[in-house]
Amino acid sequence: MTSRVRARATDAPSATGAGGIDVQTSRPTVVCAIGTEADIVPAIQRSSAPPLQMVLGDHDDVSRRCFTRAGVRMLRVCPDEASTLNAAIRLAPDIVVVNAQLSGKDGLDVMKRIVDIVDPAARPLLVVLGRVADDAVRAYELGVDGYLALPLTPARILDTLNRMRRVLADRQLVDFAKDVIARAPNAGAAPQYALASSRPLSPLTRLLVQHADKAIVVRTANIDWIEAAGIQSRVYVGSTAYVMRASLSALVQRLDQTSFARIHRSVIVNLDKVVELHDADDSDTVVVMESGTRLRVSRRRRAELTRRYWEVA
């Protein structure tokens, strides 16, 4: 089988690596086409960071070889949805990567089941491999932590793995801090440093968001709704969507609790921007925003949302 690889190196001398691929001797910029007939594995630089433990749901062996080359410890490679879900639950990996077209079906169903079944505190990081924009939208709606666009390239692989390492490091730091506080003497009266760090912060009145490569400040009172986008959030003001580098869980803690409510695990709404709340034909509850946007309310959050309006009234 003949490999078809395009590689481009700039601003540095090149050398011929394994497989006859021209790469830079320092930090390469490599553009590769990947598929069953391409081999970019030799172009991937192995990370010196501690290896992530991964479960991979993909029928294409190229993905496995790419991640392994990047320094991942592969716990299990699964060819279908059932084996992927089983491995994700039983093996407790750091990260689960699933092809959106796993075994020719909808691999996102696996991610949805992991989100629904596994306790958030013990859930592995979730990354979707996909080829079309709709895959990315649906993946982030499910609340995954990352999306890796196909065709794979060395830069995309390493960037995604590095971001996932940072997310894991943040989680571990939080867990360590909680453990230290829990083990502190006189647990009934937390140590001074813990008390100082746990003082409630004032609700945010402005958010720094990004739009078209610009940093923009929006007032929280003008926000209609916010949705999860992996480790980031999308902030909607009218029909305009902005990106904020903060998770939905972090934002909900800093917004005014009298004005904002979580109606779904992936959506927060500004209560002052809601104009209708009613049952849809499929028995789901729906809120309609001033902008005309319709958002689904999860069943377990409906009673809380109704109570919030009752209290306001």
Protein backbone atom coordinates (compact mmCIF):
# COMPACT_ATOMS: atom_id res chain seq x y z
CA MET A 1 0.00 0.00 0.00
CA THR A 2 1.40 3.37 -0.95
CA SER A 3 1.44 6.13 1.67
CA ARG A 4 0.40 9.59 0.58
CA VAL A 5 1.80 12.25 2.89
CA ARG A 6 2.34 15.93 2.35
CA ALA A 7 4.80 17.58 4.71
CA ARG A 8 5.95 21.16 4.85
CA ALA A 9 8.79 22.48 7.01
CA THR A 10 9.56 26.17 7.35
CA ASP A 11 12.36 28.27 8.75
CA ALA A 12 14.51 25.33 9.74
CA PRO A 13 16.70 22.74 8.08
CA SER A 14 15.01 19.44 7.31
CA ALA A 15 16.02 15.86 7.66
CA THR A 16 14.55 12.64 6.41
CA GLY A 17 12.85 10.68 9.19
CA ALA A 18 11.38 7.21 9.29
CA GLY A 19 9.18 6.38 6.35
CA GLY A 20 10.92 8.97 4.16
CA ILE A 21 8.96 11.93 5.61
CA ASP A 22 10.77 15.26 5.56
CA VAL A 23 10.51 16.97 8.93
CA GLN A 24 12.39 19.73 10.69
CA THR A 25 15.21 18.86 12.98
CA SER A 26 13.79 21.29 15.56
CA ARG A 27 10.07 22.13 15.97
CA PRO A 28 8.32 21.11 12.74
CA THR A 29 5.29 22.56 11.07
CA VAL A 30 3.89 19.51 9.34
CA VAL A 31 0.70 19.38 7.31
CA CYS A 32 -0.40 15.79 6.74
CA ALA A 33 -3.32 14.05 5.16
CA ILE A 34 -4.39 11.08 7.22
CA GLY A 35 -6.51 8.07 6.47
CA THR A 36 -6.08 4.37 6.07
CA GLU A 37 -3.53 5.05 3.30
CA ALA A 38 -1.45 7.66 5.14
CA ASP A 39 1.13 7.36 7.87
CA ILE A 40 1.94 10.45 9.91
CA VAL A 41 3.19 8.53 12.93
CA PRO A 42 6.92 9.21 12.31
CA ALA A 43 6.19 12.96 12.16
CA ILE A 44 4.73 13.06 15.68
CA GLN A 45 7.04 14.18 18.45
CA ARG A 46 6.68 12.17 21.64
CA SER A 47 5.78 14.31 24.64
CA SER A 48 8.07 14.25 27.66
CA ALA A 49 5.09 14.77 30.00
CA PRO A 50 3.72 11.88 32.09
CA PRO A 51 1.61 9.66 29.80
CA LEU A 52 -2.15 9.98 29.77
CA GLN A 53 -4.03 6.71 30.19
CA MET A 54 -6.45 6.42 27.29
CA VAL A 55 -9.35 4.34 26.07
CA LEU A 56 -9.80 4.78 22.31
CA GLY A 57 -13.01 4.00 20.49
CA ASP A 58 -12.04 3.88 16.83
CA HIS A 59 -12.01 1.24 14.10
CA ASP A 60 -9.05 2.92 12.33
CA ASP A 61 -5.65 1.68 13.55
CA VAL A 62 -3.97 4.90 12.40
CA SER A 63 -5.48 6.80 15.34
CA ARG A 64 -4.10 4.28 17.83
CA ARG A 65 -0.62 4.51 16.35
CA CYS A 66 -0.73 8.32 16.38
CA PHE A 67 -1.76 8.60 20.03
CA THR A 68 0.70 5.92 21.11
CA ARG A 69 3.50 7.71 19.29
CA ALA A 70 2.53 10.93 21.10
CA GLY A 71 3.23 9.25 24.44
CA VAL A 72 -0.22 8.02 25.48
CA ARG A 73 -0.54 4.81 27.46
CA MET A 74 -3.25 2.95 25.57
CA LEU A 75 -5.38 0.93 28.00
CA ARG A 76 -7.80 -0.41 25.41
CA VAL A 77 -8.67 0.11 21.75
CA CYS A 78 -12.35 -0.61 21.14
CA PRO A 79 -13.99 -1.22 17.76
CA ASP A 80 -17.59 -0.54 18.81
CA GLU A 81 -19.84 1.34 21.21
CA ALA A 82 -20.44 -1.43 23.74
CA SER A 83 -16.77 -2.26 24.31
CA THR A 84 -15.86 1.45 24.49
CA LEU A 85 -18.46 2.14 27.17
CA ASN A 86 -17.41 -0.94 29.14
CA ALA A 87 -13.72 0.02 29.04
CA ALA A 88 -14.43 3.65 29.95
CA ILE A 89 -16.27 2.55 33.10
CA ARG A 90 -14.10 -0.41 34.19
CA LEU A 91 -10.58 0.83 33.42
CA ALA A 92 -10.93 4.38 34.85
CA PRO A 93 -8.79 6.08 32.17
CA ASP A 94 -7.67 9.71 32.23
CA ILE A 95 -9.20 10.31 28.82
CA VAL A 96 -11.65 8.62 26.44
CA VAL A 97 -11.34 9.43 22.73
CA VAL A 98 -14.14 8.30 20.42
CA ASN A 99 -14.60 8.62 16.67
CA ALA A 100 -17.95 10.25 15.92
CA GLN A 101 -18.44 7.56 13.25
CA LEU A 102 -17.39 4.62 15.39
CA SER A 103 -17.99 1.37 13.47
CA GLY A 104 -20.12 3.27 10.99
CA LYS A 105 -22.62 4.36 13.65
CA ASP A 106 -23.05 7.39 15.91
CA GLY A 107 -20.09 7.34 18.30
CA LEU A 108 -21.52 10.32 20.17
CA ASP A 109 -24.05 7.97 21.76
CA VAL A 110 -21.15 6.49 23.73
CA MET A 111 -20.19 9.93 25.04
CA LYS A 112 -23.78 10.65 26.04
CA ARG A 113 -24.00 7.40 27.99
CA ILE A 114 -20.70 8.11 29.78
CA VAL A 115 -21.94 11.58 30.73
CA ASP A 116 -25.24 10.14 31.98
CA ILE A 117 -23.78 7.16 33.87
CA VAL A 118 -20.43 8.21 35.34
CA ASP A 119 -20.24 10.49 38.37
CA PRO A 120 -18.85 13.89 37.23
CA ALA A 121 -16.20 13.74 39.97
CA ALA A 122 -14.84 10.46 38.55
CA ARG A 123 -15.54 11.03 34.87
CA PRO A 124 -12.62 10.80 32.45
CA LEU A 125 -11.92 13.60 30.02
CA LEU A 126 -13.94 13.11 26.84
CA VAL A 127 -12.64 13.94 23.36
CA VAL A 128 -14.45 13.37 20.05
CA LEU A 129 -12.80 12.74 16.68
CA GLY A 130 -14.91 14.11 13.83
CA ARG A 131 -14.87 15.26 10.24
CA VAL A 132 -17.85 17.60 9.92
CA ALA A 133 -18.91 20.75 11.78
CA ASP A 134 -22.09 19.11 13.02
CA ASP A 135 -19.99 16.57 14.92
CA ALA A 136 -18.31 19.39 16.86
CA VAL A 137 -21.59 21.14 17.67
CA ARG A 138 -23.24 17.94 18.90
CA ALA A 139 -20.14 16.94 20.86
CA TYR A 140 -20.00 20.20 22.80
CA GLU A 141 -23.73 20.08 23.42
CA LEU A 142 -23.10 16.79 25.22
CA GLY A 143 -20.52 18.49 27.42
CA VAL A 144 -17.34 16.85 26.16
CA ASP A 145 -13.96 18.33 27.03
CA GLY A 146 -12.46 18.50 23.56
CA TYR A 147 -12.96 17.99 19.86
CA LEU A 148 -10.19 16.84 17.50
CA ALA A 149 -10.88 17.50 13.83
CA LEU A 150 -10.01 14.94 11.20
CA PRO A 151 -7.78 14.61 9.29
CA LEU A 152 -5.36 14.35 12.19
CA THR A 153 -2.10 16.27 12.18
CA PRO A 154 0.81 16.11 14.65
CA ALA A 155 0.09 19.66 15.79
CA ARG A 156 -3.59 18.94 16.49
CA ILE A 157 -2.81 15.76 18.40
CA LEU A 158 -0.14 17.30 20.63
CA ASP A 159 -2.14 20.48 21.24
CA THR A 160 -5.20 18.49 22.32
CA LEU A 161 -3.20 16.20 24.62
CA ASN A 162 -1.43 19.17 26.22
CA ARG A 163 -4.76 20.91 26.87
CA MET A 164 -6.15 17.76 28.44
CA ARG A 165 -3.07 17.49 30.69
CA ARG A 166 -3.68 21.04 31.91
CA VAL A 167 -7.32 20.24 32.68
CA LEU A 168 -6.29 17.14 34.64
CA ALA A 169 -3.65 19.11 36.54
CA ASP A 170 -6.27 21.69 37.56
CA ARG A 171 -8.59 18.93 38.77
CA GLN A 172 -5.83 17.30 40.79
CA LEU A 173 -4.88 20.61 42.39
CA VAL A 174 -8.47 21.19 43.48
CA ASP A 175 -8.74 17.65 44.87
CA PHE A 176 -5.46 18.08 46.74
CA ALA A 177 -6.62 21.35 48.30
CA LYS A 178 -9.89 19.77 49.42
CA ASP A 179 -8.00 16.85 50.92
CA VAL A 180 -5.63 19.15 52.83
CA ILE A 181 -8.52 21.13 54.28
CA ALA A 182 -10.42 17.97 55.22
CA ARG A 183 -7.37 16.56 57.05
CA ALA A 184 -6.51 19.80 58.84
CA PRO A 185 -6.59 19.85 62.67
CA ASN A 186 -9.81 21.13 64.21
CA ALA A 187 -11.85 20.20 61.21
CA GLY A 188 -14.83 21.95 62.76
CA ALA A 189 -12.96 25.23 62.43
CA ALA A 190 -11.08 25.34 59.16
CA PRO A 191 -7.56 26.79 59.22
CA GLN A 192 -7.17 30.48 58.56
CA TYR A 193 -5.87 30.06 55.02
CA ALA A 194 -8.88 27.93 54.16
CA LEU A 195 -11.31 30.45 55.60
CA ALA A 196 -9.70 33.26 53.65
CA SER A 197 -9.85 31.37 50.38
CA SER A 198 -13.49 30.31 50.86
CA ARG A 199 -14.97 33.78 51.35
CA PRO A 200 -17.78 34.27 48.85
CA LEU A 201 -16.86 36.44 45.89
CA SER A 202 -19.11 39.16 44.59
CA PRO A 203 -21.13 38.16 41.51
CA LEU A 204 -19.56 39.16 38.22
CA THR A 205 -21.21 42.11 36.47
CA ARG A 206 -19.02 41.96 33.34
CA LEU A 207 -17.39 39.16 31.36
CA LEU A 208 -14.35 39.35 29.09
CA VAL A 209 -15.23 37.35 25.99
CA GLN A 210 -13.79 36.80 22.51
CA HIS A 211 -15.36 37.49 19.14
CA ALA A 212 -13.67 37.65 15.73
CA ASP A 213 -10.18 37.72 17.29
CA LYS A 214 -11.12 40.60 19.58
CA ALA A 215 -11.50 40.72 23.37
CA ILE A 216 -14.84 42.31 24.24
CA VAL A 217 -16.43 43.20 27.58
CA VAL A 218 -20.14 42.37 27.93
CA ARG A 219 -22.36 43.22 30.87
CA THR A 220 -23.92 40.16 32.47
CA ALA A 221 -27.31 41.91 32.52
CA ASN A 222 -27.26 41.91 28.71
CA ILE A 223 -26.54 38.18 28.41
CA ASP A 224 -29.41 36.01 27.20
CA TRP A 225 -27.96 32.56 27.82
CA ILE A 226 -24.72 30.61 28.09
CA GLU A 227 -23.94 27.10 26.89
CA ALA A 228 -21.09 24.71 27.60
CA ALA A 229 -18.45 24.28 24.91
CA GLY A 230 -16.11 21.74 26.42
CA ILE A 231 -13.68 23.54 28.73
CA GLN A 232 -14.96 26.87 27.40
CA SER A 233 -18.39 28.51 27.21
CA ARG A 234 -20.40 30.25 24.52
CA VAL A 235 -22.06 33.46 25.71
CA TYR A 236 -25.11 34.68 23.74
CA VAL A 237 -26.13 38.33 23.66
CA GLY A 238 -29.12 38.53 21.36
CA SER A 239 -28.19 36.55 18.25
CA THR A 240 -24.42 37.05 18.70
CA ALA A 241 -22.33 34.26 20.22
CA TYR A 242 -19.09 34.99 22.07
CA VAL A 243 -16.49 32.59 23.47
CA MET A 244 -15.29 32.74 27.07
CA ARG A 245 -12.31 30.78 28.37
CA ALA A 246 -14.11 29.39 31.40
CA SER A 247 -16.18 26.27 31.95
CA LEU A 248 -19.91 26.49 32.54
CA SER A 249 -19.47 25.07 36.05
CA ALA A 250 -17.01 27.83 36.90
CA LEU A 251 -19.26 30.55 35.48
CA VAL A 252 -22.38 29.44 37.31
CA GLN A 253 -20.54 29.91 40.60
CA ARG A 254 -19.67 33.54 39.79
CA LEU A 255 -22.93 34.78 38.26
CA ASP A 256 -25.71 36.44 40.23
CA GLN A 257 -27.78 33.53 41.50
CA THR A 258 -30.92 35.69 41.61
CA SER A 259 -30.65 36.48 37.89
CA PHE A 260 -29.20 33.31 36.35
CA ALA A 261 -30.37 29.71 36.54
CA ARG A 262 -29.06 26.44 35.17
CA ILE A 263 -31.85 24.80 33.17
CA HIS A 264 -29.75 21.97 31.77
CA ARG A 265 -26.31 20.58 32.54
CA SER A 266 -25.02 22.48 29.51
CA VAL A 267 -27.14 25.67 29.63
CA ILE A 268 -27.54 28.72 31.90
CA VAL A 269 -30.21 31.34 31.22
CA ASN A 270 -30.73 34.92 32.33
CA LEU A 271 -34.13 34.77 34.04
CA ASP A 272 -34.87 38.38 33.03
CA LYS A 273 -34.53 37.39 29.35
CA VAL A 274 -37.04 34.51 29.47
CA VAL A 275 -40.43 35.41 27.98
CA GLU A 276 -42.15 32.01 27.88
CA LEU A 277 -42.00 28.72 29.74
CA HIS A 278 -44.21 25.88 28.52
CA ASP A 279 -44.42 22.18 27.73
CA ALA A 280 -43.46 21.11 24.22
CA ASP A 281 -45.22 18.42 22.21
CA ASP A 282 -42.67 15.80 23.27
CA SER A 283 -43.35 16.48 26.99
CA ASP A 284 -40.11 18.43 27.46
CA THR A 285 -40.28 21.85 29.05
CA VAL A 286 -39.05 24.69 26.86
CA VAL A 287 -38.11 28.29 27.63
CA VAL A 288 -38.31 30.96 24.95
CA MET A 289 -35.85 33.83 25.18
CA GLU A 290 -36.39 37.45 24.12
CA SER A 291 -34.30 36.69 21.04
CA GLY A 292 -36.74 33.93 20.05
CA THR A 293 -34.30 31.14 20.92
CA ARG A 294 -35.99 28.03 22.35
CA LEU A 295 -34.06 26.07 24.99
CA ARG A 296 -34.92 22.73 26.56
CA VAL A 297 -35.21 22.43 30.34
CA SER A 298 -34.12 19.11 31.83
CA ARG A 299 -36.84 17.38 33.83
CA ARG A 300 -34.94 17.44 37.08
CA ARG A 301 -34.40 21.21 36.81
CA ARG A 302 -37.95 22.15 35.88
CA ALA A 303 -39.29 22.33 39.43
CA GLU A 304 -36.35 24.50 40.53
CA LEU A 305 -36.85 26.85 37.58
CA THR A 306 -40.57 27.20 38.31
CA ARG A 307 -39.79 27.90 41.97
CA ARG A 308 -37.36 30.65 41.00
CA TYR A 309 -40.08 32.49 39.09
CA TRP A 310 -42.55 31.94 41.89
CA GLU A 311 -40.13 33.56 44.34
CA VAL A 312 -39.48 36.48 41.97
CA ALA A 313 -43.20 37.02 41.53
